[in-house]
Amino acid sequence: MSQQELLKKVIQVLKQAGIQYMLTGSVASSLQGEPRSTHDIDIVVSIRESEAHELVKAFSPTDFYLDERSIFDAINSQNIFNLIDLKGGDKVDFWILTSEPFDLSRFSRSYSEKFMGIEMRVSSPEDTILAKLRWAKLSGGSEKQFTDALRVYEVQYGKLDISYIEHWAKKLDIESLWRRLTGEAELE
């Protein structure tokens, strides 16, 4: 199964199960900025334990790895669980929606975009930039994360809510990366 087919299947399953979600990470930044290949799909989910079984049931254990216990653990620790396509090797990282103010803000600001013929909820470009800069900082200065944020900024420039980005850049303590990004951006 291709990564696009996997994404399509996951979105359809989440919708059918009534699980709220938001596409984020490198797939979102590829939609909003410069496309690049990635081996994982990042999705923030608001899932309850009662919905975990529906999710597991939708993915055959002969083709996918998805452990119900790991979903429960992720929900309880507000962390992450994975779905792995055993044949294709692609992975979906399901990030549990936390009660952190930035997490709640970006989740509430997600928007619907048609991609590969289906409607899906996607992180706003502002939140994609902020999340990428945050990951760049947390990973010790990842240039890949920084460049993803930079490309989203360059492509979306003129449509971005800069005051929103500056507000959260300060709160997330990533102001220096934000200043670097605006300084390096090549705008037309």
Protein backbone atom coordinates (compact mmCIF):
# COMPACT_ATOMS: atom_id res chain seq x y z
CA MET A 1 0.00 0.00 0.00
CA SER A 2 1.43 3.40 -0.94
CA GLN A 3 1.75 6.14 1.65
CA GLN A 4 -1.08 8.05 -0.07
CA GLU A 5 -3.35 4.98 0.06
CA LEU A 6 -2.46 4.46 3.71
CA LEU A 7 -3.28 8.09 4.52
CA LYS A 8 -6.59 7.83 2.67
CA LYS A 9 -7.51 4.62 4.53
CA VAL A 10 -6.59 6.09 7.93
CA ILE A 11 -8.63 9.26 7.32
CA GLN A 12 -11.64 7.20 6.20
CA VAL A 13 -11.39 4.97 9.30
CA LEU A 14 -11.09 7.97 11.64
CA LYS A 15 -14.12 9.61 10.04
CA GLN A 16 -16.19 6.39 10.21
CA ALA A 17 -15.27 5.91 13.87
CA GLY A 18 -16.11 9.54 14.68
CA ILE A 19 -12.59 10.23 15.96
CA GLN A 20 -11.56 13.88 15.67
CA TYR A 21 -8.15 14.30 14.07
CA MET A 22 -5.75 16.74 12.46
CA LEU A 23 -3.05 15.96 9.89
CA THR A 24 0.22 17.57 10.89
CA GLY A 25 3.97 17.05 10.49
CA SER A 26 5.78 16.67 7.19
CA VAL A 27 2.70 15.67 5.21
CA ALA A 28 1.00 18.93 6.27
CA SER A 29 4.12 21.00 5.54
CA SER A 30 4.39 19.31 2.13
CA LEU A 31 0.80 20.35 1.35
CA GLN A 32 1.40 23.92 2.52
CA GLY A 33 5.01 24.48 1.53
CA GLU A 34 7.54 22.42 -0.40
CA PRO A 35 6.77 18.72 -0.94
CA ARG A 36 9.32 16.25 0.39
CA SER A 37 9.32 12.54 1.02
CA THR A 38 8.73 11.21 4.51
CA HIS A 39 8.25 7.71 5.90
CA ASP A 40 5.73 8.63 8.52
CA ILE A 41 2.38 10.35 8.71
CA ASP A 42 1.70 12.46 11.80
CA ILE A 43 -1.89 12.81 12.99
CA VAL A 44 -3.11 14.41 16.21
CA VAL A 45 -6.18 12.55 17.50
CA SER A 46 -8.76 13.14 20.18
CA ILE A 47 -9.59 9.51 20.94
CA ARG A 48 -11.28 7.82 23.88
CA GLU A 49 -10.53 4.30 25.06
CA SER A 50 -14.01 3.26 23.91
CA GLU A 51 -13.02 4.16 20.32
CA ALA A 52 -9.73 2.25 20.31
CA HIS A 53 -11.31 -1.11 19.43
CA GLU A 54 -12.98 0.36 16.30
CA LEU A 55 -9.62 1.67 15.14
CA VAL A 56 -7.83 -1.66 15.72
CA LYS A 57 -10.64 -3.64 14.06
CA ALA A 58 -10.28 -1.59 10.84
CA PHE A 59 -6.66 -2.69 10.28
CA SER A 60 -6.04 -6.39 9.63
CA PRO A 61 -3.22 -7.81 11.81
CA THR A 62 -1.85 -9.66 8.78
CA ASP A 63 -1.23 -6.32 7.02
CA PHE A 64 -0.83 -3.83 9.89
CA TYR A 65 0.61 -3.54 13.35
CA LEU A 66 -1.70 -1.62 15.71
CA ASP A 67 -1.78 -2.63 19.36
CA GLU A 68 -4.90 -1.75 21.38
CA ARG A 69 -2.93 -1.74 24.64
CA SER A 70 -0.51 0.84 23.21
CA ILE A 71 -3.50 3.04 22.32
CA PHE A 72 -4.75 2.85 25.94
CA ASP A 73 -1.25 3.62 27.23
CA ALA A 74 -0.94 6.60 24.87
CA ILE A 75 -4.33 7.97 25.92
CA ASN A 76 -3.44 7.68 29.60
CA SER A 77 0.01 9.24 29.20
CA GLN A 78 -1.07 11.76 26.52
CA ASN A 79 1.66 10.47 24.26
CA ILE A 80 1.90 8.58 20.96
CA PHE A 81 0.92 5.26 19.41
CA ASN A 82 1.78 3.84 15.99
CA LEU A 83 0.20 2.06 13.08
CA ILE A 84 2.67 0.26 10.83
CA ASP A 85 1.95 -0.99 7.32
CA LEU A 86 3.76 -4.34 7.51
CA LYS A 87 4.03 -4.71 3.73
CA GLY A 88 4.81 -1.14 2.68
CA GLY A 89 6.81 -0.15 5.75
CA ASP A 90 5.12 3.21 6.21
CA LYS A 91 4.14 4.34 9.68
CA VAL A 92 1.43 6.54 11.13
CA ASP A 93 2.26 8.33 14.37
CA PHE A 94 -0.94 9.11 16.24
CA TRP A 95 -0.28 11.91 18.72
CA ILE A 96 -2.85 12.17 21.49
CA LEU A 97 -4.36 15.65 21.78
CA THR A 98 -3.07 17.02 25.07
CA SER A 99 -4.54 19.69 27.30
CA GLU A 100 -1.58 22.02 26.59
CA PRO A 101 -2.84 25.43 25.43
CA PHE A 102 -0.89 25.32 22.13
CA ASP A 103 -2.16 21.82 21.36
CA LEU A 104 -5.76 22.89 22.00
CA SER A 105 -5.33 26.07 19.99
CA ARG A 106 -3.86 24.40 16.92
CA PHE A 107 -6.40 21.58 17.02
CA SER A 108 -9.27 24.09 17.11
CA ARG A 109 -7.77 26.01 14.17
CA SER A 110 -7.42 23.03 11.83
CA TYR A 111 -9.17 23.38 8.51
CA SER A 112 -10.65 21.07 5.91
CA GLU A 113 -8.67 20.50 2.71
CA LYS A 114 -9.35 18.21 -0.21
CA PHE A 115 -6.35 16.02 -0.96
CA MET A 116 -6.28 12.80 -3.01
CA GLY A 117 -10.01 13.12 -3.54
CA ILE A 118 -11.00 13.21 0.12
CA GLU A 119 -11.65 15.96 2.64
CA MET A 120 -9.30 15.91 5.61
CA ARG A 121 -8.58 18.09 8.62
CA VAL A 122 -5.15 19.73 8.40
CA SER A 123 -3.11 21.87 10.78
CA SER A 124 -3.27 25.56 9.82
CA PRO A 125 -0.14 26.88 8.06
CA GLU A 126 0.63 29.08 11.11
CA ASP A 127 0.45 26.07 13.42
CA THR A 128 2.50 23.95 11.02
CA ILE A 129 5.23 26.60 11.11
CA LEU A 130 5.12 26.82 14.90
CA ALA A 131 5.10 23.04 15.41
CA LYS A 132 8.03 22.61 13.00
CA LEU A 133 10.04 25.31 14.76
CA ARG A 134 9.22 23.71 18.11
CA TRP A 135 10.40 20.31 16.82
CA ALA A 136 13.55 21.95 15.45
CA LYS A 137 14.31 23.28 18.92
CA LEU A 138 13.39 20.05 20.75
CA SER A 139 15.55 17.98 18.41
CA GLY A 140 18.60 20.13 19.01
CA GLY A 141 18.39 22.22 15.86
CA SER A 142 17.02 19.98 13.11
CA GLU A 143 17.57 21.77 9.80
CA LYS A 144 14.96 19.55 8.13
CA GLN A 145 12.26 20.77 10.55
CA PHE A 146 13.43 24.37 10.20
CA THR A 147 13.44 24.19 6.40
CA ASP A 148 9.92 22.72 6.38
CA ALA A 149 8.74 25.72 8.45
CA LEU A 150 10.62 28.15 6.21
CA ARG A 151 9.06 26.74 3.02
CA VAL A 152 5.53 26.92 4.49
CA TYR A 153 6.21 30.54 5.46
CA GLU A 154 7.49 31.40 1.97
CA VAL A 155 4.60 29.72 0.13
CA GLN A 156 1.87 30.99 2.48
CA TYR A 157 3.33 34.48 2.97
CA GLY A 158 0.66 37.17 2.70
CA LYS A 159 -2.04 34.82 4.00
CA LEU A 160 -0.53 34.16 7.43
CA ASP A 161 -1.69 35.58 10.76
CA ILE A 162 1.72 36.90 11.83
CA SER A 163 0.48 38.19 15.22
CA TYR A 164 -0.76 34.67 16.04
CA ILE A 165 2.64 33.19 15.13
CA GLU A 166 4.52 35.83 17.15
CA HIS A 167 2.23 35.27 20.17
CA TRP A 168 2.91 31.53 20.21
CA ALA A 169 6.59 31.85 19.26
CA LYS A 170 7.05 33.81 22.48
CA LYS A 171 4.98 31.38 24.60
CA LEU A 172 6.77 28.33 23.11
CA ASP A 173 10.19 29.99 23.55
CA ILE A 174 11.08 29.71 19.86
CA GLU A 175 11.38 33.43 19.11
CA SER A 176 15.00 33.14 17.98
CA LEU A 177 14.07 30.46 15.43
CA TRP A 178 11.12 32.57 14.26
CA ARG A 179 13.45 35.60 13.78
CA ARG A 180 15.93 33.43 11.91
CA LEU A 181 13.13 32.11 9.67
CA THR A 182 11.83 35.58 8.78
CA GLY A 183 15.40 36.72 8.13
CA GLU A 184 16.19 33.83 5.78
CA ALA A 185 12.88 33.77 3.91
CA GLU A 186 13.08 34.49 0.20
CA LEU A 187 9.88 36.36 -0.55
CA GLU A 188 8.77 37.64 -3.93
